[in-house]
Amino acid sequence: MKKTRFLLTGVGGQGTILASNVLAELGISMGYDAKKAEVHGMSQRGGSVISHVSWGEKVFSPVIPDGEADILISFEKLEAIRFVSGIRSGAMVLINDYEIVPITVSSGGGTYPSDEGIKAAFEPVTDKVYWVKGVAIAEELGNVKAANVVLLGALSQILEMDAEPWLEVIEARVPPKFVELNRKAFQAGREAVKI
């Protein structure tokens, strides 16, 4: 089994932790050893959330050393650029095309990077960067909180994996009344990327 290391990053309230739980449980369901670790920081105040998930035959630590993540999933664009140094050369990057403007920018103390600036930051490291309008897709489905599942659907498509194992894990993690919404969000994410 090839070791795969996922680095997930976002802002508090975006469902980054749920997504990392789904990835860890999916790894276990596929027969991998899977471990995860997370840093919440000031997440309840809109701060960064970072989660590490590792799959492999044997995983000794979930924490991914800087420059060794195979896959970066960012639920917010600025968070993506903050973790360029976290990925290995040729890694895969999945970015939710969505901005949450931090107080340092809204107060005039900084500037939010342009999409071109974000793309340029990844160019020296990888050309496997995928952008998905996760929030816009989730809004169309009626619940912006499903954006994290849209991103998981996109990830499953990029990794060329069958949908059903993912959906089984997601459905076990969400309240029954949201199962159908999450199925739709996952499928919309799969359809949102071209590989």
Protein backbone atom coordinates (compact mmCIF):
# COMPACT_ATOMS: atom_id res chain seq x y z
CA MET A 1 0.00 0.00 0.00
CA LYS A 2 1.36 3.36 -1.01
CA LYS A 3 1.48 5.90 1.80
CA THR A 4 -0.70 8.93 1.07
CA ARG A 5 -0.52 12.09 3.16
CA PHE A 6 -3.37 14.62 3.07
CA LEU A 7 -3.05 18.16 4.41
CA LEU A 8 -6.41 19.89 4.87
CA THR A 9 -6.71 23.55 5.68
CA GLY A 10 -9.53 25.98 6.07
CA VAL A 11 -11.20 28.46 8.38
CA GLY A 12 -13.29 27.59 11.42
CA GLY A 13 -16.83 26.58 10.50
CA GLN A 14 -16.04 25.28 7.01
CA GLY A 15 -16.19 21.59 7.90
CA THR A 16 -12.47 20.89 7.62
CA ILE A 17 -12.54 18.54 10.62
CA LEU A 18 -15.52 16.58 9.27
CA ALA A 19 -13.70 16.19 5.96
CA SER A 20 -10.56 14.91 7.71
CA ASN A 21 -12.67 12.46 9.75
CA VAL A 22 -14.22 11.16 6.53
CA LEU A 23 -10.77 10.71 4.94
CA ALA A 24 -9.40 8.85 7.97
CA GLU A 25 -12.42 6.56 8.18
CA LEU A 26 -12.34 5.97 4.43
CA GLY A 27 -8.69 4.91 4.67
CA ILE A 28 -9.54 2.43 7.42
CA SER A 29 -12.50 1.06 5.44
CA MET A 30 -10.13 0.39 2.51
CA GLY A 31 -7.76 -1.62 4.71
CA TYR A 32 -5.12 1.04 5.34
CA ASP A 33 -3.66 2.05 8.64
CA ALA A 34 -4.94 5.63 8.95
CA LYS A 35 -4.16 8.35 11.45
CA LYS A 36 -5.10 12.00 11.78
CA ALA A 37 -4.15 15.04 13.79
CA GLU A 38 -5.52 18.54 13.80
CA VAL A 39 -4.77 22.06 14.96
CA HIS A 40 -7.83 24.17 15.73
CA GLY A 41 -6.12 27.38 16.83
CA MET A 42 -8.67 30.18 16.95
CA SER A 43 -11.04 28.24 14.68
CA GLN A 44 -14.15 29.22 16.65
CA ARG A 45 -13.23 32.85 15.98
CA GLY A 46 -12.73 32.33 12.26
CA GLY A 47 -9.09 31.31 12.51
CA SER A 48 -7.18 28.63 10.65
CA VAL A 49 -7.90 24.93 10.97
CA ILE A 50 -5.22 22.47 9.85
CA SER A 51 -5.69 18.72 9.71
CA HIS A 52 -3.24 15.97 8.78
CA VAL A 53 -4.45 12.57 7.57
CA SER A 54 -2.11 9.74 6.57
CA TRP A 55 -2.94 6.38 4.98
CA GLY A 56 -0.50 3.50 4.54
CA GLU A 57 0.40 -0.07 5.38
CA LYS A 58 1.70 1.26 8.70
CA VAL A 59 1.41 4.88 9.78
CA PHE A 60 3.54 5.78 12.79
CA SER A 61 2.54 9.43 13.02
CA PRO A 62 -0.27 11.41 11.42
CA VAL A 63 1.75 14.63 11.47
CA ILE A 64 3.12 15.42 8.01
CA PRO A 65 6.56 17.05 7.95
CA ASP A 66 6.80 20.32 6.02
CA GLY A 67 7.24 19.67 2.31
CA GLU A 68 5.94 16.09 2.39
CA ALA A 69 2.15 16.29 1.88
CA ASP A 70 0.97 14.42 -1.21
CA ILE A 71 -2.38 16.20 -1.37
CA LEU A 72 -3.42 19.65 -0.15
CA ILE A 73 -7.14 20.32 0.19
CA SER A 74 -7.88 23.95 0.98
CA PHE A 75 -11.37 25.10 1.86
CA GLU A 76 -10.40 28.77 1.43
CA LYS A 77 -8.05 30.38 -1.11
CA LEU A 78 -5.79 32.31 1.28
CA GLU A 79 -5.32 29.17 3.38
CA ALA A 80 -4.05 27.38 0.25
CA ILE A 81 -1.24 29.86 -0.31
CA ARG A 82 -0.22 29.66 3.34
CA PHE A 83 0.61 25.98 2.91
CA VAL A 84 2.58 25.89 -0.33
CA SER A 85 5.62 24.87 1.73
CA GLY A 86 3.69 21.93 3.17
CA ILE A 87 3.51 19.96 -0.08
CA ARG A 88 6.06 17.87 -1.94
CA SER A 89 7.05 18.52 -5.54
CA GLY A 90 4.34 17.23 -7.88
CA ALA A 91 1.70 17.09 -5.14
CA MET A 92 -1.98 17.47 -5.96
CA VAL A 93 -3.75 20.62 -4.77
CA LEU A 94 -7.53 21.10 -4.52
CA ILE A 95 -8.69 24.65 -3.79
CA ASN A 96 -12.19 25.80 -2.91
CA ASP A 97 -12.62 28.94 -5.03
CA TYR A 98 -13.87 31.00 -2.10
CA GLU A 99 -12.60 33.98 -0.09
CA ILE A 100 -12.98 34.67 3.60
CA VAL A 101 -11.32 38.06 4.02
CA PRO A 102 -9.28 38.16 7.26
CA ILE A 103 -9.42 41.13 9.61
CA THR A 104 -5.87 42.12 8.63
CA VAL A 105 -7.15 42.73 5.09
CA SER A 106 -10.55 44.25 5.91
CA SER A 107 -8.91 46.70 8.33
CA GLY A 108 -6.52 47.88 5.61
CA GLY A 109 -3.42 46.23 7.05
CA GLY A 110 -2.89 43.82 4.17
CA THR A 111 -4.08 42.70 0.77
CA TYR A 112 -5.82 39.53 -0.29
CA PRO A 113 -3.83 37.67 -2.99
CA SER A 114 -5.25 37.51 -6.49
CA ASP A 115 -6.08 34.17 -8.11
CA GLU A 116 -3.08 34.77 -10.39
CA GLY A 117 -0.87 35.26 -7.33
CA ILE A 118 -2.12 32.02 -5.80
CA LYS A 119 -1.55 30.12 -9.05
CA ALA A 120 1.95 31.60 -9.34
CA ALA A 121 2.82 30.48 -5.81
CA PHE A 122 2.16 26.84 -6.73
CA GLU A 123 3.84 26.88 -10.17
CA PRO A 124 7.37 26.08 -8.90
CA VAL A 125 6.05 23.10 -6.92
CA THR A 126 3.26 21.47 -8.94
CA ASP A 127 1.05 21.85 -11.98
CA LYS A 128 -1.67 19.62 -10.50
CA VAL A 129 -3.87 22.37 -9.09
CA TYR A 130 -7.65 22.01 -9.26
CA TRP A 131 -10.14 24.78 -8.44
CA VAL A 132 -13.72 24.00 -7.44
CA LYS A 133 -16.48 26.49 -6.60
CA GLY A 134 -17.52 24.45 -3.58
CA VAL A 135 -19.49 27.17 -1.81
CA ALA A 136 -21.34 28.26 -4.95
CA ILE A 137 -22.26 24.64 -5.74
CA ALA A 138 -23.44 24.04 -2.16
CA GLU A 139 -25.53 27.24 -2.25
CA GLU A 140 -27.22 26.02 -5.43
CA LEU A 141 -28.10 22.80 -3.60
CA GLY A 142 -29.62 24.81 -0.74
CA ASN A 143 -27.05 24.56 2.06
CA VAL A 144 -23.66 26.28 2.04
CA LYS A 145 -22.45 23.95 4.80
CA ALA A 146 -22.26 21.13 2.24
CA ALA A 147 -19.28 22.80 0.52
CA ASN A 148 -16.86 20.46 2.33
CA VAL A 149 -18.65 17.44 0.86
CA VAL A 150 -18.52 19.06 -2.60
CA LEU A 151 -14.73 19.19 -2.17
CA LEU A 152 -14.62 15.55 -1.05
CA GLY A 153 -16.57 14.59 -4.16
CA ALA A 154 -14.08 16.50 -6.31
CA LEU A 155 -11.19 14.77 -4.52
CA SER A 156 -12.68 11.33 -5.13
CA GLN A 157 -12.93 12.13 -8.84
CA ILE A 158 -9.37 13.44 -9.06
CA LEU A 159 -8.12 10.30 -7.30
CA GLU A 160 -10.24 8.22 -9.72
CA MET A 161 -11.94 6.38 -6.86
CA ASP A 162 -15.44 4.91 -6.79
CA ALA A 163 -18.03 7.10 -5.08
CA GLU A 164 -19.81 4.48 -2.96
CA PRO A 165 -17.14 3.89 -0.27
CA TRP A 166 -16.93 7.67 0.26
CA LEU A 167 -20.71 8.02 0.45
CA GLU A 168 -20.99 5.19 2.97
CA VAL A 169 -18.58 6.99 5.30
CA ILE A 170 -20.20 10.40 4.76
CA GLU A 171 -23.69 9.03 5.37
CA ALA A 172 -22.56 7.44 8.65
CA ARG A 173 -21.27 10.86 9.79
CA VAL A 174 -24.15 13.19 8.94
CA PRO A 175 -27.65 13.39 10.47
CA PRO A 176 -30.20 11.33 8.49
CA LYS A 177 -32.09 14.45 7.35
CA PHE A 178 -28.94 15.67 5.54
CA VAL A 179 -28.00 12.40 3.81
CA GLU A 180 -29.68 13.23 0.50
CA LEU A 181 -28.21 16.75 0.43
CA ASN A 182 -24.74 15.33 1.02
CA ARG A 183 -25.16 12.70 -1.70
CA LYS A 184 -26.05 15.50 -4.14
CA ALA A 185 -23.16 17.66 -2.93
CA PHE A 186 -20.69 14.80 -3.34
CA GLN A 187 -21.91 14.02 -6.87
CA ALA A 188 -21.81 17.72 -7.82
CA GLY A 189 -18.20 17.84 -6.65
CA ARG A 190 -17.33 14.83 -8.80
CA GLU A 191 -18.88 16.56 -11.80
CA ALA A 192 -17.10 19.86 -11.07
CA VAL A 193 -13.59 18.66 -11.95
CA LYS A 194 -12.12 17.52 -15.21
CA ILE A 195 -9.18 15.13 -14.97
